[in-house]
Amino acid sequence: MEIDKKLNAIFEFLNSNREHNHKLQEKFYVSVLKPFDNIPEKIISLLYHIANTQSQPKIDNLAKFFIELHENKDCLNSFQSFVEYVKPKTETENNFRTLYLGMEKQSGWGKKTSALFVKTIFHLHNTEYSKELKIWNDAPKSIKKNDEFFLPVDAVIISIFKKLNSEMKWDFDKVNSELKKVYKEREIEVWDDLWFWGFITQNGTGENRKFEWNVNKYWALKESDKSKLEMKIIENKAEIFLNLLR
């Protein structure tokens, strides 16, 4: 199928250009975690930042979640204890899949933000980022074969898949299920870079999005490298990415 060829080309592009989003992500993690000394404060800061990425956060529901969390701060001291705190009764494993399923059931948390939190926990502990960012000593460093990783799919990513195949109804579940037919465990995490390249190559919202290099969106990313050399590199690679969508 034509979309499969395009997805393979996009995956190769993402896999070959990881350093750009990696630098941006690391700066973000530092800004969120560095001001805090103890583990519970770091996790709470992370949860607040990720919850606030929602375009229309349900404040009352999120408040309930954070009130209950502050009353049970001991659960924040380790990966295992936090997964135990959030995980559904039907789950037995303490892994990334269970953490996602547990977060998705929490008051005010949706699929995208739950997947984003799990992705962040994986990044902080997979040894590819600064060791100073590590929070939990017992967090998995890799995604095991019996585990499952969910791509944090939002409007930016959905718009890309709509461009690739406008006849299919794309949403969080559909994008993840289609990718997992081909890409496994760690390969799904590579697809997380799609948001960065998609964000800086889209102009407008909803059905009226245009796919083009959007320098203003690049500037809007607080952690993006603003040097002229890096911006030129990003612009050139953004054009390569756009050609893969056409």
Protein backbone atom coordinates (compact mmCIF):
# COMPACT_ATOMS: atom_id res chain seq x y z
CA MET A 1 0.00 0.00 0.00
CA GLU A 2 1.12 3.56 -0.72
CA ILE A 3 0.68 4.66 2.90
CA ASP A 4 2.92 1.84 4.10
CA LYS A 5 5.73 3.03 1.82
CA LYS A 6 5.29 6.59 3.07
CA LEU A 7 5.25 5.47 6.71
CA ASN A 8 8.44 3.51 6.17
CA ALA A 9 10.13 6.56 4.59
CA ILE A 10 8.93 8.79 7.43
CA PHE A 11 10.19 6.30 10.02
CA GLU A 12 13.62 6.26 8.39
CA PHE A 13 13.66 10.07 8.41
CA LEU A 14 12.69 10.22 12.10
CA ASN A 15 15.20 7.56 13.07
CA SER A 16 18.01 9.38 11.24
CA ASN A 17 17.27 12.78 12.77
CA ARG A 18 16.65 12.04 16.42
CA GLU A 19 19.24 14.45 17.79
CA HIS A 20 17.19 17.57 17.07
CA ASN A 21 14.10 16.66 19.08
CA HIS A 22 16.32 14.95 21.67
CA LYS A 23 18.05 18.24 22.50
CA LEU A 24 14.72 20.03 22.78
CA GLN A 25 13.24 17.30 25.01
CA GLU A 26 16.22 17.29 27.35
CA LYS A 27 16.02 21.06 27.86
CA PHE A 28 12.32 20.69 28.67
CA TYR A 29 12.95 17.91 31.19
CA VAL A 30 15.67 19.96 32.89
CA SER A 31 13.38 22.99 33.20
CA VAL A 32 10.61 20.86 34.74
CA LEU A 33 12.74 18.83 37.17
CA LYS A 34 15.82 20.88 38.11
CA PRO A 35 14.07 23.28 40.54
CA PHE A 36 13.08 20.37 42.80
CA ASP A 37 15.22 18.27 45.15
CA ASN A 38 13.06 15.35 46.21
CA ILE A 39 11.38 12.62 44.19
CA PRO A 40 7.70 13.42 44.96
CA GLU A 41 8.14 17.08 43.99
CA LYS A 42 9.80 16.11 40.70
CA ILE A 43 7.00 13.72 39.75
CA ILE A 44 4.28 16.18 40.76
CA SER A 45 5.95 18.93 38.69
CA LEU A 46 6.08 16.56 35.73
CA LEU A 47 2.44 15.58 36.13
CA TYR A 48 1.32 19.22 36.27
CA HIS A 49 3.27 20.16 33.15
CA ILE A 50 1.95 17.22 31.17
CA ALA A 51 -1.65 17.66 32.33
CA ASN A 52 -1.46 21.27 31.14
CA THR A 53 -0.59 20.22 27.59
CA GLN A 54 -4.29 19.45 27.14
CA SER A 55 -6.03 21.95 24.89
CA GLN A 56 -9.13 21.91 27.09
CA PRO A 57 -8.14 20.50 30.48
CA LYS A 58 -10.95 19.42 32.78
CA ILE A 59 -9.88 21.50 35.77
CA ASP A 60 -12.33 20.06 38.30
CA ASN A 61 -11.34 16.49 37.46
CA LEU A 62 -7.62 17.26 37.48
CA ALA A 63 -7.98 18.99 40.84
CA LYS A 64 -9.52 15.81 42.24
CA PHE A 65 -6.57 13.79 40.93
CA PHE A 66 -3.96 16.12 42.43
CA ILE A 67 -5.79 16.40 45.77
CA GLU A 68 -5.81 12.62 46.12
CA LEU A 69 -2.19 12.41 44.99
CA HIS A 70 -1.05 14.94 47.61
CA GLU A 71 -2.80 12.80 50.23
CA ASN A 72 -0.86 9.74 49.05
CA LYS A 73 2.59 11.20 48.37
CA ASP A 74 4.38 8.02 49.45
CA CYS A 75 3.30 6.38 46.20
CA LEU A 76 5.56 8.81 44.33
CA ASN A 77 8.81 7.44 45.77
CA SER A 78 9.27 4.62 43.26
CA PHE A 79 8.09 3.40 39.87
CA GLN A 80 6.60 0.26 41.41
CA SER A 81 4.68 2.11 44.11
CA PHE A 82 3.26 4.65 41.66
CA VAL A 83 2.15 1.95 39.21
CA GLU A 84 0.53 0.13 42.13
CA TYR A 85 -1.28 3.34 43.05
CA VAL A 86 -2.77 3.95 39.59
CA LYS A 87 -3.06 0.53 37.97
CA PRO A 88 -6.44 -1.06 37.21
CA LYS A 89 -7.40 -4.09 39.32
CA THR A 90 -7.39 -6.26 36.20
CA GLU A 91 -3.66 -5.72 35.62
CA THR A 92 -0.90 -7.76 37.23
CA GLU A 93 2.31 -6.46 35.59
CA ASN A 94 4.10 -3.32 36.77
CA ASN A 95 5.35 -2.02 33.43
CA PHE A 96 4.86 0.86 30.98
CA ARG A 97 1.63 -0.61 29.59
CA THR A 98 0.10 -0.83 33.05
CA LEU A 99 1.26 2.69 33.88
CA TYR A 100 -0.49 3.97 30.75
CA LEU A 101 -3.70 2.05 31.47
CA GLY A 102 -3.67 3.30 35.05
CA MET A 103 -3.07 6.95 34.15
CA GLU A 104 -5.77 6.84 31.49
CA LYS A 105 -8.27 5.91 34.22
CA GLN A 106 -7.29 8.83 36.47
CA SER A 107 -9.61 11.78 36.87
CA GLY A 108 -8.88 14.43 34.22
CA TRP A 109 -6.37 12.35 32.27
CA GLY A 110 -6.94 11.37 28.67
CA LYS A 111 -5.20 8.94 26.34
CA LYS A 112 -2.76 11.45 24.88
CA THR A 113 -1.60 12.91 28.20
CA SER A 114 -1.34 9.44 29.76
CA ALA A 115 0.85 8.26 26.88
CA LEU A 116 2.89 11.47 27.12
CA PHE A 117 3.58 10.88 30.81
CA VAL A 118 4.65 7.28 30.19
CA LYS A 119 6.90 8.37 27.32
CA THR A 120 8.53 10.95 29.56
CA ILE A 121 9.16 8.41 32.32
CA PHE A 122 10.78 6.15 29.75
CA HIS A 123 12.97 8.97 28.43
CA LEU A 124 14.15 9.95 31.90
CA HIS A 125 15.28 6.41 32.69
CA ASN A 126 16.46 4.89 29.40
CA THR A 127 20.07 6.20 29.87
CA GLU A 128 19.92 8.28 26.65
CA TYR A 129 19.36 11.51 28.54
CA SER A 130 21.43 13.12 31.30
CA LYS A 131 21.74 10.79 34.29
CA GLU A 132 20.86 13.76 36.50
CA LEU A 133 17.31 13.56 35.13
CA LYS A 134 16.76 10.06 36.48
CA ILE A 135 14.09 10.01 39.20
CA TRP A 136 13.22 6.41 40.11
CA ASN A 137 15.91 3.76 40.68
CA ASP A 138 13.49 0.96 39.80
CA ALA A 139 12.05 2.34 36.56
CA PRO A 140 12.62 0.11 33.49
CA LYS A 141 15.41 1.24 31.19
CA SER A 142 13.94 -0.49 28.16
CA ILE A 143 10.61 -1.58 26.70
CA LYS A 144 10.36 -5.35 27.06
CA LYS A 145 8.73 -7.61 24.48
CA ASN A 146 5.80 -8.33 26.79
CA ASP A 147 5.30 -4.60 27.39
CA GLU A 148 3.49 -2.04 25.22
CA PHE A 149 4.26 1.58 24.34
CA PHE A 150 1.59 4.05 23.23
CA LEU A 151 2.34 7.00 20.94
CA PRO A 152 0.96 10.30 22.39
CA VAL A 153 -1.31 11.07 19.46
CA ASP A 154 -2.79 14.57 19.26
CA ALA A 155 -4.22 16.85 16.55
CA VAL A 156 -0.78 17.46 15.00
CA ILE A 157 -0.14 13.77 14.45
CA ILE A 158 -3.71 13.01 13.39
CA SER A 159 -3.50 15.73 10.71
CA ILE A 160 -0.40 14.03 9.27
CA PHE A 161 -2.15 10.68 9.01
CA LYS A 162 -5.17 12.37 7.43
CA LYS A 163 -2.85 13.82 4.81
CA LEU A 164 -1.40 10.37 4.15
CA ASN A 165 -4.85 8.77 3.88
CA SER A 166 -7.89 11.04 4.04
CA GLU A 167 -10.33 8.16 3.60
CA MET A 168 -9.55 6.62 6.98
CA LYS A 169 -10.94 7.93 10.28
CA TRP A 170 -7.87 8.65 12.36
CA ASP A 171 -7.78 9.03 16.14
CA PHE A 172 -5.48 8.00 19.02
CA ASP A 173 -6.44 4.33 18.85
CA LYS A 174 -6.37 4.06 15.06
CA VAL A 175 -2.93 5.63 14.69
CA ASN A 176 -1.47 3.41 17.41
CA SER A 177 -3.07 0.23 16.07
CA GLU A 178 -1.92 0.89 12.50
CA LEU A 179 1.66 1.62 13.56
CA LYS A 180 1.82 -1.45 15.80
CA LYS A 181 1.06 -3.70 12.85
CA VAL A 182 4.61 -3.01 11.67
CA TYR A 183 6.54 -1.25 14.44
CA LYS A 184 7.21 -2.85 17.82
CA GLU A 185 8.18 -1.71 21.34
CA ARG A 186 11.06 0.78 20.98
CA GLU A 187 10.21 1.56 17.34
CA ILE A 188 6.93 3.12 18.47
CA GLU A 189 8.93 5.47 20.68
CA VAL A 190 10.87 6.65 17.60
CA TRP A 191 7.53 7.78 16.18
CA ASP A 192 7.23 10.25 19.06
CA ASP A 193 9.53 12.57 17.08
CA LEU A 194 6.73 12.91 14.55
CA TRP A 195 5.10 15.55 16.76
CA PHE A 196 8.14 17.84 16.57
CA TRP A 197 8.43 17.70 12.77
CA GLY A 198 4.67 17.89 12.36
CA PHE A 199 4.30 20.89 14.66
CA ILE A 200 6.87 23.03 12.87
CA THR A 201 5.50 22.18 9.41
CA GLN A 202 1.85 22.99 9.98
CA ASN A 203 0.09 26.32 9.67
CA GLY A 204 -3.45 26.88 10.91
CA THR A 205 -5.83 24.62 12.82
CA GLY A 206 -8.48 21.98 12.25
CA GLU A 207 -9.27 21.06 8.66
CA ASN A 208 -7.63 24.25 7.38
CA ARG A 209 -4.06 23.28 8.22
CA LYS A 210 -1.45 23.95 5.57
CA PHE A 211 1.69 21.85 5.46
CA GLU A 212 4.68 24.18 5.16
CA TRP A 213 7.75 25.25 7.12
CA ASN A 214 6.43 27.41 9.96
CA VAL A 215 9.32 29.34 11.49
CA ASN A 216 7.01 31.05 13.98
CA LYS A 217 6.05 27.70 15.49
CA TYR A 218 9.73 26.85 15.80
CA TRP A 219 10.26 30.11 17.67
CA ALA A 220 7.25 29.31 19.86
CA LEU A 221 9.04 26.24 21.25
CA LYS A 222 10.83 27.64 24.28
CA GLU A 223 13.53 24.96 24.25
CA SER A 224 14.31 25.03 20.51
CA ASP A 225 17.85 25.95 19.45
CA LYS A 226 17.65 29.51 18.10
CA SER A 227 21.13 29.65 16.53
CA LYS A 228 21.05 30.58 12.83
CA LEU A 229 22.98 27.46 11.85
CA GLU A 230 20.65 25.07 13.67
CA MET A 231 17.54 26.82 12.39
CA LYS A 232 18.78 26.52 8.81
CA ILE A 233 19.45 22.83 9.32
CA ILE A 234 15.97 22.34 10.78
CA GLU A 235 14.36 24.28 7.92
CA ASN A 236 16.14 22.14 5.32
CA LYS A 237 15.19 18.93 7.05
CA ALA A 238 11.62 20.14 7.48
CA GLU A 239 11.41 20.45 3.70
CA ILE A 240 12.64 16.87 3.34
CA PHE A 241 9.97 15.79 5.82
CA LEU A 242 7.27 17.70 3.94
CA ASN A 243 8.28 16.00 0.68
CA LEU A 244 7.67 12.64 2.36
CA LEU A 245 4.06 13.63 3.02
CA ARG A 246 3.33 14.69 -0.57
